[in-house]
């Protein structure tokens, strides 16, 4: 059985052979982040695919934030490169939920929380508790929180 980490390693080797600079540097940085995570703490350990996935998610998020920062700072080439790196990483992540699917899950959670008596600002935490396990890895926390806020505000 191929682990996610070994898949990244194989794809890195292929990218190096193909002289694909963008892919090889992106995968190299991601594997370095995984290794760093493996040696963090008291003893070195192998990360599970879920943990590797979390590292990739974090790396992809960094690329998105950097792309936004470069775009706002008037550096479109850098922004494009960060975006491209993010797209390379997205291949290794679970498919992200569409906005409609996310709204649907959140709407159900809002109803559940209200039925349980959650009102006002406290409802946010209740709804997030219901939604997060359902969307784990398929939607970023910030995106989920935004939809929850919207629906709680009655939008």
C-alpha atoms as a PDB file:
ATOM      1  CA  UNK A   1       0.000   0.000   0.000  1.00  0.00           C
ATOM      2  CA  UNK A   2       1.394   3.365  -1.014  1.00  0.00           C
ATOM      3  CA  UNK A   3       1.373   6.027   1.658  1.00  0.00           C
ATOM      4  CA  UNK A   4       0.668   9.648   0.832  1.00  0.00           C
ATOM      5  CA  UNK A   5       4.241  10.539   1.772  1.00  0.00           C
ATOM      6  CA  UNK A   6       5.738   7.924  -0.567  1.00  0.00           C
ATOM      7  CA  UNK A   7       3.406   9.160  -3.336  1.00  0.00           C
ATOM      8  CA  UNK A   8       4.799  12.687  -2.823  1.00  0.00           C
ATOM      9  CA  UNK A   9       8.340  11.263  -2.937  1.00  0.00           C
ATOM     10  CA  UNK A  10       7.648   9.356  -6.191  1.00  0.00           C
ATOM     11  CA  UNK A  11       6.069  12.430  -7.766  1.00  0.00           C
ATOM     12  CA  UNK A  12       9.067  14.527  -6.679  1.00  0.00           C
ATOM     13  CA  UNK A  13      11.457  12.079  -8.364  1.00  0.00           C
ATOM     14  CA  UNK A  14       9.329  12.179 -11.536  1.00  0.00           C
ATOM     15  CA  UNK A  15       9.249  15.998 -11.458  1.00  0.00           C
ATOM     16  CA  UNK A  16      13.047  16.132 -11.084  1.00  0.00           C
ATOM     17  CA  UNK A  17      13.494  13.781 -14.059  1.00  0.00           C
ATOM     18  CA  UNK A  18      11.073  15.891 -16.106  1.00  0.00           C
ATOM     19  CA  UNK A  19      12.961  19.039 -15.031  1.00  0.00           C
ATOM     20  CA  UNK A  20       9.655  20.463 -13.759  1.00  0.00           C
ATOM     21  CA  UNK A  21      11.107  23.133 -11.470  1.00  0.00           C
ATOM     22  CA  UNK A  22       7.794  24.349 -10.052  1.00  0.00           C
ATOM     23  CA  UNK A  23       6.510  20.892  -9.117  1.00  0.00           C
ATOM     24  CA  UNK A  24       9.829  19.650  -7.778  1.00  0.00           C
ATOM     25  CA  UNK A  25      10.391  22.705  -5.554  1.00  0.00           C
ATOM     26  CA  UNK A  26       6.802  22.613  -4.270  1.00  0.00           C
ATOM     27  CA  UNK A  27       6.995  18.902  -3.442  1.00  0.00           C
ATOM     28  CA  UNK A  28      10.469  19.300  -1.941  1.00  0.00           C
ATOM     29  CA  UNK A  29       9.217  22.050   0.416  1.00  0.00           C
ATOM     30  CA  UNK A  30       6.159  19.995   1.345  1.00  0.00           C
ATOM     31  CA  UNK A  31       8.236  16.888   2.101  1.00  0.00           C
ATOM     32  CA  UNK A  32      10.541  19.068   4.227  1.00  0.00           C
ATOM     33  CA  UNK A  33       7.500  20.289   6.188  1.00  0.00           C
ATOM     34  CA  UNK A  34       6.399  16.658   6.687  1.00  0.00           C
ATOM     35  CA  UNK A  35       9.876  15.649   7.889  1.00  0.00           C
ATOM     36  CA  UNK A  36       9.949  18.640  10.230  1.00  0.00           C
ATOM     37  CA  UNK A  37       6.622  17.491  11.674  1.00  0.00           C
ATOM     38  CA  UNK A  38       7.968  13.938  12.056  1.00  0.00           C
ATOM     39  CA  UNK A  39      10.951  15.063  14.127  1.00  0.00           C
ATOM     40  CA  UNK A  40       8.974  17.579  16.185  1.00  0.00           C
ATOM     41  CA  UNK A  41       8.341  16.365  19.700  1.00  0.00           C
ATOM     42  CA  UNK A  42      10.377  13.945  21.743  1.00  0.00           C
ATOM     43  CA  UNK A  43      10.883  11.154  19.250  1.00  0.00           C
ATOM     44  CA  UNK A  44      10.941  10.763  15.487  1.00  0.00           C
ATOM     45  CA  UNK A  45       7.885   9.031  14.076  1.00  0.00           C
ATOM     46  CA  UNK A  46       6.157   8.240  10.792  1.00  0.00           C
ATOM     47  CA  UNK A  47       3.136  10.446  10.151  1.00  0.00           C
ATOM     48  CA  UNK A  48      -0.148   8.761   9.222  1.00  0.00           C
ATOM     49  CA  UNK A  49      -1.759   9.703   5.911  1.00  0.00           C
ATOM     50  CA  UNK A  50      -4.217  11.891   7.851  1.00  0.00           C
ATOM     51  CA  UNK A  51      -1.367  13.754   9.509  1.00  0.00           C
ATOM     52  CA  UNK A  52       0.466  14.117   6.185  1.00  0.00           C
ATOM     53  CA  UNK A  53      -2.780  15.432   4.722  1.00  0.00           C
ATOM     54  CA  UNK A  54      -2.976  18.057   7.493  1.00  0.00           C
ATOM     55  CA  UNK A  55       0.588  19.188   6.720  1.00  0.00           C
ATOM     56  CA  UNK A  56      -0.284  19.465   2.996  1.00  0.00           C
ATOM     57  CA  UNK A  57      -3.437  21.432   3.902  1.00  0.00           C
ATOM     58  CA  UNK A  58      -1.345  23.814   5.994  1.00  0.00           C
ATOM     59  CA  UNK A  59       1.173  24.225   3.164  1.00  0.00           C
ATOM     60  CA  UNK A  60      -1.609  24.859   0.620  1.00  0.00           C
ATOM     61  CA  UNK A  61      -3.138  27.466   2.933  1.00  0.00           C
ATOM     62  CA  UNK A  62       0.256  29.219   3.228  1.00  0.00           C
ATOM     63  CA  UNK A  63       0.431  29.359  -0.587  1.00  0.00           C
ATOM     64  CA  UNK A  64      -3.079  30.884  -0.817  1.00  0.00           C
ATOM     65  CA  UNK A  65      -2.283  33.504   1.812  1.00  0.00           C
ATOM     66  CA  UNK A  66       1.050  34.316   0.150  1.00  0.00           C
ATOM     67  CA  UNK A  67      -0.648  34.601  -3.259  1.00  0.00           C
ATOM     68  CA  UNK A  68      -3.151  37.095  -1.803  1.00  0.00           C
ATOM     69  CA  UNK A  69      -0.374  39.065  -0.124  1.00  0.00           C
ATOM     70  CA  UNK A  70       1.709  39.223  -3.323  1.00  0.00           C
ATOM     71  CA  UNK A  71      -1.354  40.186  -5.387  1.00  0.00           C
ATOM     72  CA  UNK A  72      -2.169  43.023  -2.975  1.00  0.00           C
ATOM     73  CA  UNK A  73       1.493  44.054  -2.913  1.00  0.00           C
ATOM     74  CA  UNK A  74       1.513  44.463  -6.691  1.00  0.00           C
ATOM     75  CA  UNK A  75       3.691  41.422  -7.431  1.00  0.00           C
ATOM     76  CA  UNK A  76       1.509  39.412  -9.843  1.00  0.00           C
ATOM     77  CA  UNK A  77       4.287  36.985 -10.982  1.00  0.00           C
ATOM     78  CA  UNK A  78       4.955  35.908  -7.394  1.00  0.00           C
ATOM     79  CA  UNK A  79       1.211  35.646  -6.745  1.00  0.00           C
ATOM     80  CA  UNK A  80       0.827  33.415  -9.822  1.00  0.00           C
ATOM     81  CA  UNK A  81       3.654  31.147  -8.697  1.00  0.00           C
ATOM     82  CA  UNK A  82       2.155  30.763  -5.204  1.00  0.00           C
ATOM     83  CA  UNK A  83      -1.231  29.990  -6.772  1.00  0.00           C
ATOM     84  CA  UNK A  84       0.349  27.390  -9.062  1.00  0.00           C
ATOM     85  CA  UNK A  85       2.095  25.760  -6.073  1.00  0.00           C
ATOM     86  CA  UNK A  86      -1.242  25.670  -4.244  1.00  0.00           C
ATOM     87  CA  UNK A  87      -2.829  23.915  -7.225  1.00  0.00           C
ATOM     88  CA  UNK A  88      -0.054  21.317  -7.261  1.00  0.00           C
ATOM     89  CA  UNK A  89      -0.730  20.581  -3.565  1.00  0.00           C
ATOM     90  CA  UNK A  90      -4.523  20.489  -4.040  1.00  0.00           C
ATOM     91  CA  UNK A  91      -4.057  17.281  -6.070  1.00  0.00           C
ATOM     92  CA  UNK A  92      -2.991  15.477  -2.873  1.00  0.00           C
ATOM     93  CA  UNK A  93      -5.905  16.693  -0.764  1.00  0.00           C
ATOM     94  CA  UNK A  94      -9.466  15.412  -0.488  1.00  0.00           C
ATOM     95  CA  UNK A  95     -11.777  17.144  -2.938  1.00  0.00           C
ATOM     96  CA  UNK A  96     -13.020  20.401  -1.436  1.00  0.00           C
ATOM     97  CA  UNK A  97     -16.741  20.830  -0.897  1.00  0.00           C
ATOM     98  CA  UNK A  98     -18.571  23.172  -3.237  1.00  0.00           C
ATOM     99  CA  UNK A  99     -20.073  26.317  -1.710  1.00  0.00           C
ATOM    100  CA  UNK A 100     -23.574  24.870  -2.163  1.00  0.00           C
ATOM    101  CA  UNK A 101     -22.722  21.573  -0.467  1.00  0.00           C
ATOM    102  CA  UNK A 102     -21.066  23.430   2.403  1.00  0.00           C
ATOM    103  CA  UNK A 103     -24.084  25.738   2.837  1.00  0.00           C
ATOM    104  CA  UNK A 104     -26.366  22.701   2.945  1.00  0.00           C
ATOM    105  CA  UNK A 105     -24.327  20.968   5.680  1.00  0.00           C
ATOM    106  CA  UNK A 106     -24.112  24.205   7.691  1.00  0.00           C
ATOM    107  CA  UNK A 107     -27.853  24.883   7.296  1.00  0.00           C
ATOM    108  CA  UNK A 108     -28.655  21.438   8.738  1.00  0.00           C
ATOM    109  CA  UNK A 109     -26.232  22.052  11.611  1.00  0.00           C
ATOM    110  CA  UNK A 110     -27.818  25.451  12.333  1.00  0.00           C
ATOM    111  CA  UNK A 111     -31.236  23.772  12.561  1.00  0.00           C
ATOM    112  CA  UNK A 112     -29.829  21.055  14.847  1.00  0.00           C
ATOM    113  CA  UNK A 113     -28.180  23.622  17.121  1.00  0.00           C
ATOM    114  CA  UNK A 114     -31.341  25.757  17.272  1.00  0.00           C
ATOM    115  CA  UNK A 115     -33.409  22.662  18.048  1.00  0.00           C
ATOM    116  CA  UNK A 116     -30.991  21.997  20.922  1.00  0.00           C
ATOM    117  CA  UNK A 117     -31.675  25.530  22.172  1.00  0.00           C
ATOM    118  CA  UNK A 118     -28.510  27.290  20.986  1.00  0.00           C
ATOM    119  CA  UNK A 119     -29.159  30.984  20.394  1.00  0.00           C
ATOM    120  CA  UNK A 120     -27.127  34.093  19.576  1.00  0.00           C
ATOM    121  CA  UNK A 121     -23.325  34.105  19.652  1.00  0.00           C
ATOM    122  CA  UNK A 122     -23.184  30.821  21.601  1.00  0.00           C
ATOM    123  CA  UNK A 123     -24.838  29.089  18.664  1.00  0.00           C
ATOM    124  CA  UNK A 124     -21.673  29.635  16.585  1.00  0.00           C
ATOM    125  CA  UNK A 125     -19.659  27.212  18.733  1.00  0.00           C
ATOM    126  CA  UNK A 126     -22.477  24.677  18.769  1.00  0.00           C
ATOM    127  CA  UNK A 127     -22.848  24.775  14.993  1.00  0.00           C
ATOM    128  CA  UNK A 128     -19.075  24.531  14.429  1.00  0.00           C
ATOM    129  CA  UNK A 129     -18.967  21.430  16.683  1.00  0.00           C
ATOM    130  CA  UNK A 130     -21.623  19.772  14.518  1.00  0.00           C
ATOM    131  CA  UNK A 131     -20.160  20.873  11.165  1.00  0.00           C
ATOM    132  CA  UNK A 132     -16.414  20.306  11.655  1.00  0.00           C
ATOM    133  CA  UNK A 133     -16.430  16.485  11.825  1.00  0.00           C
ATOM    134  CA  UNK A 134     -18.680  16.361   8.733  1.00  0.00           C
ATOM    135  CA  UNK A 135     -16.422  18.543   6.601  1.00  0.00           C
ATOM    136  CA  UNK A 136     -12.999  17.586   7.983  1.00  0.00           C
ATOM    137  CA  UNK A 137     -10.395  18.035   5.271  1.00  0.00           C
ATOM    138  CA  UNK A 138     -12.986  19.078   2.708  1.00  0.00           C
ATOM    139  CA  UNK A 139     -13.385  22.713   3.686  1.00  0.00           C
ATOM    140  CA  UNK A 140     -11.086  25.141   5.444  1.00  0.00           C
ATOM    141  CA  UNK A 141     -12.051  26.384   8.905  1.00  0.00           C
ATOM    142  CA  UNK A 142     -12.239  30.019   7.835  1.00  0.00           C
ATOM    143  CA  UNK A 143     -14.558  29.154   4.973  1.00  0.00           C
ATOM    144  CA  UNK A 144     -16.795  27.091   7.261  1.00  0.00           C
ATOM    145  CA  UNK A 145     -16.903  29.836   9.917  1.00  0.00           C
ATOM    146  CA  UNK A 146     -17.883  32.440   7.315  1.00  0.00           C
ATOM    147  CA  UNK A 147     -20.835  30.347   6.116  1.00  0.00           C
ATOM    148  CA  UNK A 148     -21.896  29.589   9.708  1.00  0.00           C
ATOM    149  CA  UNK A 149     -21.837  33.326  10.565  1.00  0.00           C
ATOM    150  CA  UNK A 150     -23.833  34.107   7.429  1.00  0.00           C
ATOM    151  CA  UNK A 151     -26.527  31.551   8.127  1.00  0.00           C
ATOM    152  CA  UNK A 152     -26.766  32.411  11.841  1.00  0.00           C
ATOM    153  CA  UNK A 153     -27.246  36.034  10.852  1.00  0.00           C
ATOM    154  CA  UNK A 154     -30.191  34.815   8.816  1.00  0.00           C
ATOM    155  CA  UNK A 155     -28.732  35.347   5.356  1.00  0.00           C
END
